Amino acid sequence: PDTPLDRVTDYLADIDLLLVMSVFPGFGGQSFMPEV
């Protein structure tokens, strides 16, 4: 959630999937972060 998209823009042509986390990873059941 706190990583800007520009960290991955140079690789977008090389990937099949971009996963944007809407919680900080580690545990299930967290609240959705609309800012992402």
PDB file of all heavy atoms in Angstrom:
ATOM      1  N   PRO A   1       0.800  -1.239   0.000  1.00  0.00           N
ATOM      2  CA  PRO A   1       0.000   0.000   0.000  1.00  0.00           C
ATOM      3  C   PRO A   1       0.825   1.278   0.000  1.00  0.00           C
ATOM      4  O   PRO A   1       0.383   2.295  -0.554  1.00  0.00           O
ATOM      5  CB  PRO A   1      -0.826  -0.130   1.291  1.00  0.00           C
ATOM      6  CG  PRO A   1      -0.974  -1.594   1.496  1.00  0.00           C
ATOM      7  CD  PRO A   1       0.338  -2.180   1.051  1.00  0.00           C
ATOM      8  N   ASP A   2       2.007   1.255   0.609  1.00  0.00           N
ATOM      9  CA  ASP A   2       2.816   2.470   0.684  1.00  0.00           C
ATOM     10  C   ASP A   2       3.885   2.549  -0.399  1.00  0.00           C
ATOM     11  O   ASP A   2       4.745   3.435  -0.367  1.00  0.00           O
ATOM     12  CB  ASP A   2       3.465   2.597   2.060  1.00  0.00           C
ATOM     13  CG  ASP A   2       4.339   1.402   2.424  1.00  0.00           C
ATOM     14  OD1 ASP A   2       4.296   0.388   1.694  1.00  0.00           O
ATOM     15  OD2 ASP A   2       5.037   1.470   3.456  1.00  0.00           O
ATOM     16  N   THR A   3       3.834   1.638  -1.369  1.00  0.00           N
ATOM     17  CA  THR A   3       4.789   1.647  -2.477  1.00  0.00           C
ATOM     18  C   THR A   3       4.174   2.349  -3.678  1.00  0.00           C
ATOM     19  O   THR A   3       3.100   1.965  -4.140  1.00  0.00           O
ATOM     20  CB  THR A   3       5.193   0.219  -2.876  1.00  0.00           C
ATOM     21  OG1 THR A   3       5.792  -0.435  -1.753  1.00  0.00           O
ATOM     22  CG2 THR A   3       6.180   0.224  -4.041  1.00  0.00           C
ATOM     23  N   PRO A   4       4.831   3.379  -4.212  1.00  0.00           N
ATOM     24  CA  PRO A   4       4.261   4.093  -5.368  1.00  0.00           C
ATOM     25  C   PRO A   4       4.276   3.244  -6.633  1.00  0.00           C
ATOM     26  O   PRO A   4       5.150   2.378  -6.805  1.00  0.00           O
ATOM     27  CB  PRO A   4       5.173   5.317  -5.505  1.00  0.00           C
ATOM     28  CG  PRO A   4       6.453   4.924  -4.865  1.00  0.00           C
ATOM     29  CD  PRO A   4       6.099   3.984  -3.746  1.00  0.00           C
ATOM     30  N   LEU A   5       3.335   3.516  -7.497  1.00  0.00           N
ATOM     31  CA  LEU A   5       3.235   2.749  -8.741  1.00  0.00           C
ATOM     32  C   LEU A   5       4.476   2.899  -9.605  1.00  0.00           C
ATOM     33  O   LEU A   5       4.842   1.965 -10.337  1.00  0.00           O
ATOM     34  CB  LEU A   5       1.991   3.199  -9.524  1.00  0.00           C
ATOM     35  CG  LEU A   5       1.694   2.429 -10.814  1.00  0.00           C
ATOM     36  CD1 LEU A   5       1.360   0.973 -10.517  1.00  0.00           C
ATOM     37  CD2 LEU A   5       0.545   3.096 -11.576  1.00  0.00           C
ATOM     38  N   ASP A   6       5.148   4.039  -9.518  1.00  0.00           N
ATOM     39  CA  ASP A   6       6.304   4.241 -10.397  1.00  0.00           C
ATOM     40  C   ASP A   6       7.446   3.275 -10.109  1.00  0.00           C
ATOM     41  O   ASP A   6       8.379   3.171 -10.905  1.00  0.00           O
ATOM     42  CB  ASP A   6       6.787   5.697 -10.387  1.00  0.00           C
ATOM     43  CG  ASP A   6       7.235   6.182  -9.019  1.00  0.00           C
ATOM     44  OD1 ASP A   6       7.477   5.362  -8.123  1.00  0.00           O
ATOM     45  OD2 ASP A   6       7.327   7.424  -8.842  1.00  0.00           O
ATOM     46  N   ARG A   7       7.384   2.547  -8.999  1.00  0.00           N
ATOM     47  CA  ARG A   7       8.391   1.525  -8.738  1.00  0.00           C
ATOM     48  C   ARG A   7       8.298   0.372  -9.736  1.00  0.00           C
ATOM     49  O   ARG A   7       9.281  -0.361  -9.929  1.00  0.00           O
ATOM     50  CB  ARG A   7       8.228   0.966  -7.321  1.00  0.00           C
ATOM     51  CG  ARG A   7       8.727   1.847  -6.185  1.00  0.00           C
ATOM     52  CD  ARG A   7      10.252   1.826  -6.048  1.00  0.00           C
ATOM     53  NE  ARG A   7      10.790   0.497  -5.848  1.00  0.00           N
ATOM     54  CZ  ARG A   7      10.873  -0.127  -4.675  1.00  0.00           C
ATOM     55  NH1 ARG A   7      10.412   0.462  -3.574  1.00  0.00           N
ATOM     56  NH2 ARG A   7      11.402  -1.332  -4.587  1.00  0.00           N
ATOM     57  N   VAL A   8       7.134   0.201 -10.357  1.00  0.00           N
ATOM     58  CA  VAL A   8       6.950  -0.950 -11.248  1.00  0.00           C
ATOM     59  C   VAL A   8       6.677  -0.566 -12.697  1.00  0.00           C
ATOM     60  O   VAL A   8       6.579  -1.449 -13.558  1.00  0.00           O
ATOM     61  CB  VAL A   8       5.805  -1.865 -10.758  1.00  0.00           C
ATOM     62  CG1 VAL A   8       6.141  -2.456  -9.397  1.00  0.00           C
ATOM     63  CG2 VAL A   8       4.467  -1.134 -10.721  1.00  0.00           C
ATOM     64  N   THR A   9       6.567   0.714 -12.995  1.00  0.00           N
ATOM     65  CA  THR A   9       6.164   1.102 -14.353  1.00  0.00           C
ATOM     66  C   THR A   9       7.141   0.630 -15.420  1.00  0.00           C
ATOM     67  O   THR A   9       6.726   0.327 -16.540  1.00  0.00           O
ATOM     68  CB  THR A   9       5.980   2.626 -14.457  1.00  0.00           C
ATOM     69  OG1 THR A   9       7.133   3.290 -13.919  1.00  0.00           O
ATOM     70  CG2 THR A   9       4.743   3.072 -13.692  1.00  0.00           C
ATOM     71  N   ASP A  10       8.415   0.520 -15.105  1.00  0.00           N
ATOM     72  CA  ASP A  10       9.392   0.063 -16.095  1.00  0.00           C
ATOM     73  C   ASP A  10       9.236  -1.413 -16.434  1.00  0.00           C
ATOM     74  O   ASP A  10       9.837  -1.884 -17.408  1.00  0.00           O
ATOM     75  CB  ASP A  10      10.818   0.309 -15.591  1.00  0.00           C
ATOM     76  CG  ASP A  10      11.205   1.774 -15.604  1.00  0.00           C
ATOM     77  OD1 ASP A  10      10.501   2.568 -16.258  1.00  0.00           O
ATOM     78  OD2 ASP A  10      12.207   2.130 -14.958  1.00  0.00           O
ATOM     79  N   TYR A  11       8.449  -2.134 -15.643  1.00  0.00           N
ATOM     80  CA  TYR A  11       8.321  -3.583 -15.843  1.00  0.00           C
ATOM     81  C   TYR A  11       6.951  -3.996 -16.363  1.00  0.00           C
ATOM     82  O   TYR A  11       6.722  -5.178 -16.612  1.00  0.00           O
ATOM     83  CB  TYR A  11       8.578  -4.317 -14.516  1.00  0.00           C
ATOM     84  CG  TYR A  11       9.860  -3.937 -13.839  1.00  0.00           C
ATOM     85  CD1 TYR A  11       9.861  -3.113 -12.717  1.00  0.00           C
ATOM     86  CD2 TYR A  11      11.095  -4.402 -14.300  1.00  0.00           C
ATOM     87  CE1 TYR A  11      11.041  -2.755 -12.077  1.00  0.00           C
ATOM     88  CE2 TYR A  11      12.286  -4.053 -13.671  1.00  0.00           C
ATOM     89  CZ  TYR A  11      12.243  -3.223 -12.559  1.00  0.00           C
ATOM     90  OH  TYR A  11      13.412  -2.873 -11.940  1.00  0.00           O
ATOM     91  N   LEU A  12       6.039  -3.046 -16.531  1.00  0.00           N
ATOM     92  CA  LEU A  12       4.667  -3.405 -16.864  1.00  0.00           C
ATOM     93  C   LEU A  12       4.540  -4.121 -18.205  1.00  0.00           C
ATOM     94  O   LEU A  12       3.631  -4.930 -18.389  1.00  0.00           O
ATOM     95  CB  LEU A  12       3.781  -2.153 -16.842  1.00  0.00           C
ATOM     96  CG  LEU A  12       3.596  -1.505 -15.469  1.00  0.00           C
ATOM     97  CD1 LEU A  12       2.717  -0.259 -15.580  1.00  0.00           C
ATOM     98  CD2 LEU A  12       3.005  -2.489 -14.467  1.00  0.00           C
ATOM     99  N   ALA A  13       5.445  -3.831 -19.123  1.00  0.00           N
ATOM    100  CA  ALA A  13       5.396  -4.507 -20.423  1.00  0.00           C
ATOM    101  C   ALA A  13       5.880  -5.954 -20.337  1.00  0.00           C
ATOM    102  O   ALA A  13       5.675  -6.741 -21.269  1.00  0.00           O
ATOM    103  CB  ALA A  13       6.243  -3.751 -21.446  1.00  0.00           C
ATOM    104  N   ASP A  14       6.511  -6.313 -19.210  1.00  0.00           N
ATOM    105  CA  ASP A  14       7.109  -7.641 -19.069  1.00  0.00           C
ATOM    106  C   ASP A  14       6.291  -8.594 -18.213  1.00  0.00           C
ATOM    107  O   ASP A  14       6.671  -9.755 -18.058  1.00  0.00           O
ATOM    108  CB  ASP A  14       8.501  -7.513 -18.449  1.00  0.00           C
ATOM    109  CG  ASP A  14       9.428  -6.627 -19.260  1.00  0.00           C
ATOM    110  OD1 ASP A  14       9.435  -6.766 -20.503  1.00  0.00           O
ATOM    111  OD2 ASP A  14      10.147  -5.806 -18.659  1.00  0.00           O
ATOM    112  N   ILE A  15       5.186  -8.121 -17.636  1.00  0.00           N
ATOM    113  CA  ILE A  15       4.451  -8.955 -16.694  1.00  0.00           C
ATOM    114  C   ILE A  15       3.069  -9.335 -17.210  1.00  0.00           C
ATOM    115  O   ILE A  15       2.518  -8.695 -18.107  1.00  0.00           O
ATOM    116  CB  ILE A  15       4.316  -8.257 -15.321  1.00  0.00           C
ATOM    117  CG1 ILE A  15       3.505  -6.969 -15.436  1.00  0.00           C
ATOM    118  CG2 ILE A  15       5.693  -7.997 -14.707  1.00  0.00           C
ATOM    119  CD1 ILE A  15       3.227  -6.284 -14.100  1.00  0.00           C
ATOM    120  N   ASP A  16       2.543 -10.399 -16.630  1.00  0.00           N
ATOM    121  CA  ASP A  16       1.186 -10.841 -16.938  1.00  0.00           C
ATOM    122  C   ASP A  16       0.186 -10.308 -15.929  1.00  0.00           C
ATOM    123  O   ASP A  16      -1.019 -10.266 -16.207  1.00  0.00           O
ATOM    124  CB  ASP A  16       1.122 -12.374 -16.935  1.00  0.00           C
ATOM    125  CG  ASP A  16       2.074 -12.993 -17.939  1.00  0.00           C
ATOM    126  OD1 ASP A  16       1.855 -12.799 -19.156  1.00  0.00           O
ATOM    127  OD2 ASP A  16       3.053 -13.652 -17.523  1.00  0.00           O
ATOM    128  N   LEU A  17       0.685  -9.914 -14.756  1.00  0.00           N
ATOM    129  CA  LEU A  17      -0.201  -9.561 -13.659  1.00  0.00           C
ATOM    130  C   LEU A  17       0.442  -8.520 -12.754  1.00  0.00           C
ATOM    131  O   LEU A  17       1.619  -8.645 -12.399  1.00  0.00           O
ATOM    132  CB  LEU A  17      -0.505 -10.827 -12.846  1.00  0.00           C
ATOM    133  CG  LEU A  17      -1.417 -10.709 -11.620  1.00  0.00           C
ATOM    134  CD1 LEU A  17      -2.828 -10.318 -12.041  1.00  0.00           C
ATOM    135  CD2 LEU A  17      -1.449 -12.035 -10.869  1.00  0.00           C
ATOM    136  N   LEU A  18      -0.329  -7.498 -12.391  1.00  0.00           N
ATOM    137  CA  LEU A  18       0.085  -6.528 -11.380  1.00  0.00           C
ATOM    138  C   LEU A  18      -0.869  -6.660 -10.204  1.00  0.00           C
ATOM    139  O   LEU A  18      -2.077  -6.478 -10.359  1.00  0.00           O
ATOM    140  CB  LEU A  18       0.042  -5.101 -11.918  1.00  0.00           C
ATOM    141  CG  LEU A  18       0.311  -4.008 -10.864  1.00  0.00           C
ATOM    142  CD1 LEU A  18       1.759  -4.070 -10.374  1.00  0.00           C
ATOM    143  CD2 LEU A  18      -0.001  -2.626 -11.417  1.00  0.00           C
ATOM    144  N   LEU A  19      -0.322  -6.974  -9.033  1.00  0.00           N
ATOM    145  CA  LEU A  19      -1.125  -7.117  -7.830  1.00  0.00           C
ATOM    146  C   LEU A  19      -0.913  -5.901  -6.929  1.00  0.00           C
ATOM    147  O   LEU A  19       0.207  -5.638  -6.481  1.00  0.00           O
ATOM    148  CB  LEU A  19      -0.735  -8.402  -7.088  1.00  0.00           C
ATOM    149  CG  LEU A  19      -1.313  -8.618  -5.689  1.00  0.00           C
ATOM    150  CD1 LEU A  19      -2.820  -8.465  -5.674  1.00  0.00           C
ATOM    151  CD2 LEU A  19      -0.900  -9.990  -5.150  1.00  0.00           C
ATOM    152  N   VAL A  20      -1.990  -5.177  -6.688  1.00  0.00           N
ATOM    153  CA  VAL A  20      -1.969  -4.009  -5.812  1.00  0.00           C
ATOM    154  C   VAL A  20      -2.537  -4.431  -4.461  1.00  0.00           C
ATOM    155  O   VAL A  20      -3.706  -4.831  -4.370  1.00  0.00           O
ATOM    156  CB  VAL A  20      -2.796  -2.850  -6.411  1.00  0.00           C
ATOM    157  CG1 VAL A  20      -2.819  -1.658  -5.456  1.00  0.00           C
ATOM    158  CG2 VAL A  20      -2.227  -2.440  -7.771  1.00  0.00           C
ATOM    159  N   MET A  21      -1.725  -4.338  -3.421  1.00  0.00           N
ATOM    160  CA  MET A  21      -2.191  -4.703  -2.088  1.00  0.00           C
ATOM    161  C   MET A  21      -3.026  -3.572  -1.494  1.00  0.00           C
ATOM    162  O   MET A  21      -2.611  -2.411  -1.498  1.00  0.00           O
ATOM    163  CB  MET A  21      -1.010  -5.008  -1.169  1.00  0.00           C
ATOM    164  CG  MET A  21      -0.217  -6.252  -1.549  1.00  0.00           C
ATOM    165  SD  MET A  21      -1.212  -7.770  -1.551  1.00  0.00           S
ATOM    166  CE  MET A  21      -1.777  -7.825   0.159  1.00  0.00           C
ATOM    167  N   SER A  22      -4.209  -3.936  -0.991  1.00  0.00           N
ATOM    168  CA  SER A  22      -5.075  -2.950  -0.350  1.00  0.00           C
ATOM    169  C   SER A  22      -5.106  -3.137   1.166  1.00  0.00           C
ATOM    170  O   SER A  22      -5.974  -2.589   1.855  1.00  0.00           O
ATOM    171  CB  SER A  22      -6.486  -3.011  -0.938  1.00  0.00           C
ATOM    172  OG  SER A  22      -6.934  -4.342  -1.087  1.00  0.00           O
ATOM    173  N   VAL A  23      -4.156  -3.941   1.670  1.00  0.00           N
ATOM    174  CA  VAL A  23      -3.817  -4.023   3.094  1.00  0.00           C
ATOM    175  C   VAL A  23      -2.318  -4.297   3.139  1.00  0.00           C
ATOM    176  O   VAL A  23      -1.716  -4.680   2.130  1.00  0.00           O
ATOM    177  CB  VAL A  23      -4.561  -5.160   3.840  1.00  0.00           C
ATOM    178  CG1 VAL A  23      -6.064  -4.952   3.810  1.00  0.00           C
ATOM    179  CG2 VAL A  23      -4.188  -6.524   3.281  1.00  0.00           C
ATOM    180  N   PHE A  24      -1.714  -4.130   4.293  1.00  0.00           N
ATOM    181  CA  PHE A  24      -0.327  -4.553   4.433  1.00  0.00           C
ATOM    182  C   PHE A  24      -0.304  -6.060   4.612  1.00  0.00           C
ATOM    183  O   PHE A  24      -1.015  -6.602   5.466  1.00  0.00           O
ATOM    184  CB  PHE A  24       0.350  -3.836   5.609  1.00  0.00           C
ATOM    185  CG  PHE A  24       0.708  -2.418   5.296  1.00  0.00           C
ATOM    186  CD1 PHE A  24      -0.117  -1.374   5.693  1.00  0.00           C
ATOM    187  CD2 PHE A  24       1.853  -2.122   4.567  1.00  0.00           C
ATOM    188  CE1 PHE A  24       0.200  -0.054   5.378  1.00  0.00           C
ATOM    189  CE2 PHE A  24       2.169  -0.817   4.248  1.00  0.00           C
ATOM    190  CZ  PHE A  24       1.349   0.215   4.650  1.00  0.00           C
ATOM    191  N   PRO A  25       0.471  -6.765   3.807  1.00  0.00           N
ATOM    192  CA  PRO A  25       0.399  -8.227   3.798  1.00  0.00           C
ATOM    193  C   PRO A  25       0.894  -8.851   5.095  1.00  0.00           C
ATOM    194  O   PRO A  25       1.740  -8.300   5.792  1.00  0.00           O
ATOM    195  CB  PRO A  25       1.304  -8.613   2.621  1.00  0.00           C
ATOM    196  CG  PRO A  25       2.256  -7.475   2.465  1.00  0.00           C
ATOM    197  CD  PRO A  25       1.460  -6.251   2.845  1.00  0.00           C
ATOM    198  N   GLY A  26       0.340 -10.012   5.388  1.00  0.00           N
ATOM    199  CA  GLY A  26       0.757 -10.751   6.563  1.00  0.00           C
ATOM    200  C   GLY A  26      -0.378 -11.481   7.244  1.00  0.00           C
ATOM    201  O   GLY A  26      -0.208 -12.605   7.704  1.00  0.00           O
ATOM    202  N   PHE A  27      -1.555 -10.862   7.285  1.00  0.00           N
ATOM    203  CA  PHE A  27      -2.688 -11.473   7.969  1.00  0.00           C
ATOM    204  C   PHE A  27      -3.982 -11.191   7.211  1.00  0.00           C
ATOM    205  O   PHE A  27      -4.133 -10.121   6.632  1.00  0.00           O
ATOM    206  CB  PHE A  27      -2.818 -10.940   9.404  1.00  0.00           C
ATOM    207  CG  PHE A  27      -1.658 -11.307  10.284  1.00  0.00           C
ATOM    208  CD1 PHE A  27      -0.566 -10.459  10.408  1.00  0.00           C
ATOM    209  CD2 PHE A  27      -1.657 -12.515  10.977  1.00  0.00           C
ATOM    210  CE1 PHE A  27       0.512 -10.796  11.212  1.00  0.00           C
ATOM    211  CE2 PHE A  27      -0.574 -12.860  11.781  1.00  0.00           C
ATOM    212  CZ  PHE A  27       0.506 -12.007  11.902  1.00  0.00           C
ATOM    213  N   GLY A  28      -4.891 -12.161   7.245  1.00  0.00           N
ATOM    214  CA  GLY A  28      -6.195 -11.975   6.622  1.00  0.00           C
ATOM    215  C   GLY A  28      -7.120 -11.190   7.532  1.00  0.00           C
ATOM    216  O   GLY A  28      -6.842 -10.958   8.710  1.00  0.00           O
ATOM    217  N   GLY A  29      -8.261 -10.785   6.983  1.00  0.00           N
ATOM    218  CA  GLY A  29      -9.286 -10.118   7.772  1.00  0.00           C
ATOM    219  C   GLY A  29      -9.045  -8.652   8.048  1.00  0.00           C
ATOM    220  O   GLY A  29      -9.735  -8.057   8.885  1.00  0.00           O
ATOM    221  N   GLN A  30      -8.088  -8.024   7.358  1.00  0.00           N
ATOM    222  CA  GLN A  30      -7.819  -6.604   7.576  1.00  0.00           C
ATOM    223  C   GLN A  30      -8.804  -5.728   6.793  1.00  0.00           C
ATOM    224  O   GLN A  30      -9.466  -6.176   5.872  1.00  0.00           O
ATOM    225  CB  GLN A  30      -6.386  -6.270   7.139  1.00  0.00           C
ATOM    226  CG  GLN A  30      -5.298  -7.002   7.905  1.00  0.00           C
ATOM    227  CD  GLN A  30      -3.924  -6.540   7.460  1.00  0.00           C
ATOM    228  OE1 GLN A  30      -3.543  -5.376   7.614  1.00  0.00           O
ATOM    229  NE2 GLN A  30      -3.147  -7.453   6.886  1.00  0.00           N
ATOM    230  N   SER A  31      -8.851  -4.461   7.179  1.00  0.00           N
ATOM    231  CA  SER A  31      -9.760  -3.516   6.531  1.00  0.00           C
ATOM    232  C   SER A  31      -9.174  -2.971   5.232  1.00  0.00           C
ATOM    233  O   SER A  31      -7.976  -2.670   5.155  1.00  0.00           O
ATOM    234  CB  SER A  31     -10.074  -2.350   7.474  1.00  0.00           C
ATOM    235  OG  SER A  31     -10.744  -2.807   8.621  1.00  0.00           O
ATOM    236  N   PHE A  32     -10.018  -2.853   4.251  1.00  0.00           N
ATOM    237  CA  PHE A  32      -9.662  -2.337   2.935  1.00  0.00           C
ATOM    238  C   PHE A  32      -9.148  -0.895   3.026  1.00  0.00           C
ATOM    239  O   PHE A  32      -9.712  -0.066   3.742  1.00  0.00           O
ATOM    240  CB  PHE A  32     -10.910  -2.397   2.051  1.00  0.00           C
ATOM    241  CG  PHE A  32     -10.735  -1.892   0.662  1.00  0.00           C
ATOM    242  CD1 PHE A  32     -10.085  -2.643  -0.298  1.00  0.00           C
ATOM    243  CD2 PHE A  32     -11.252  -0.661   0.292  1.00  0.00           C
ATOM    244  CE1 PHE A  32      -9.950  -2.175  -1.597  1.00  0.00           C
ATOM    245  CE2 PHE A  32     -11.130  -0.182  -0.997  1.00  0.00           C
ATOM    246  CZ  PHE A  32     -10.465  -0.947  -1.945  1.00  0.00           C
ATOM    247  N   MET A  33      -8.081  -0.595   2.281  1.00  0.00           N
ATOM    248  CA  MET A  33      -7.484   0.737   2.258  1.00  0.00           C
ATOM    249  C   MET A  33      -7.833   1.404   0.927  1.00  0.00           C
ATOM    250  O   MET A  33      -7.179   1.161  -0.093  1.00  0.00           O
ATOM    251  CB  MET A  33      -5.961   0.640   2.435  1.00  0.00           C
ATOM    252  CG  MET A  33      -5.547  -0.024   3.738  1.00  0.00           C
ATOM    253  SD  MET A  33      -3.747  -0.332   3.854  1.00  0.00           S
ATOM    254  CE  MET A  33      -3.127   1.362   3.916  1.00  0.00           C
ATOM    255  N   PRO A  34      -8.862   2.254   0.898  1.00  0.00           N
ATOM    256  CA  PRO A  34      -9.317   2.838  -0.371  1.00  0.00           C
ATOM    257  C   PRO A  34      -8.288   3.747  -1.033  1.00  0.00           C
ATOM    258  O   PRO A  34      -8.380   4.010  -2.232  1.00  0.00           O
ATOM    259  CB  PRO A  34     -10.567   3.622   0.029  1.00  0.00           C
ATOM    260  CG  PRO A  34     -10.409   3.899   1.483  1.00  0.00           C
ATOM    261  CD  PRO A  34      -9.684   2.711   2.036  1.00  0.00           C
ATOM    262  N   GLU A  35      -7.296   4.220  -0.274  1.00  0.00           N
ATOM    263  CA  GLU A  35      -6.305   5.127  -0.847  1.00  0.00           C
ATOM    264  C   GLU A  35      -5.445   4.472  -1.929  1.00  0.00           C
ATOM    265  O   GLU A  35      -4.775   5.167  -2.694  1.00  0.00           O
ATOM    266  CB  GLU A  35      -5.410   5.711   0.246  1.00  0.00           C
ATOM    267  CG  GLU A  35      -4.689   4.701   1.120  1.00  0.00           C
ATOM    268  CD  GLU A  35      -5.426   4.356   2.393  1.00  0.00           C
ATOM    269  OE1 GLU A  35      -6.679   4.333   2.372  1.00  0.00           O
ATOM    270  OE2 GLU A  35      -4.755   4.092   3.415  1.00  0.00           O
ATOM    271  N   VAL A  36      -5.470   3.145  -2.025  1.00  0.00           N
ATOM    272  CA  VAL A  36      -4.659   2.484  -3.061  1.00  0.00           C
ATOM    273  C   VAL A  36      -5.371   2.462  -4.408  1.00  0.00           C
ATOM    274  O   VAL A  36      -4.757   2.099  -5.427  1.00  0.00           O
ATOM    275  CB  VAL A  36      -4.296   1.039  -2.656  1.00  0.00           C
ATOM    276  CG1 VAL A  36      -3.656   1.013  -1.280  1.00  0.00           C
ATOM    277  CG2 VAL A  36      -5.497   0.104  -2.712  1.00  0.00           C
TER     278      VAL A  36
END
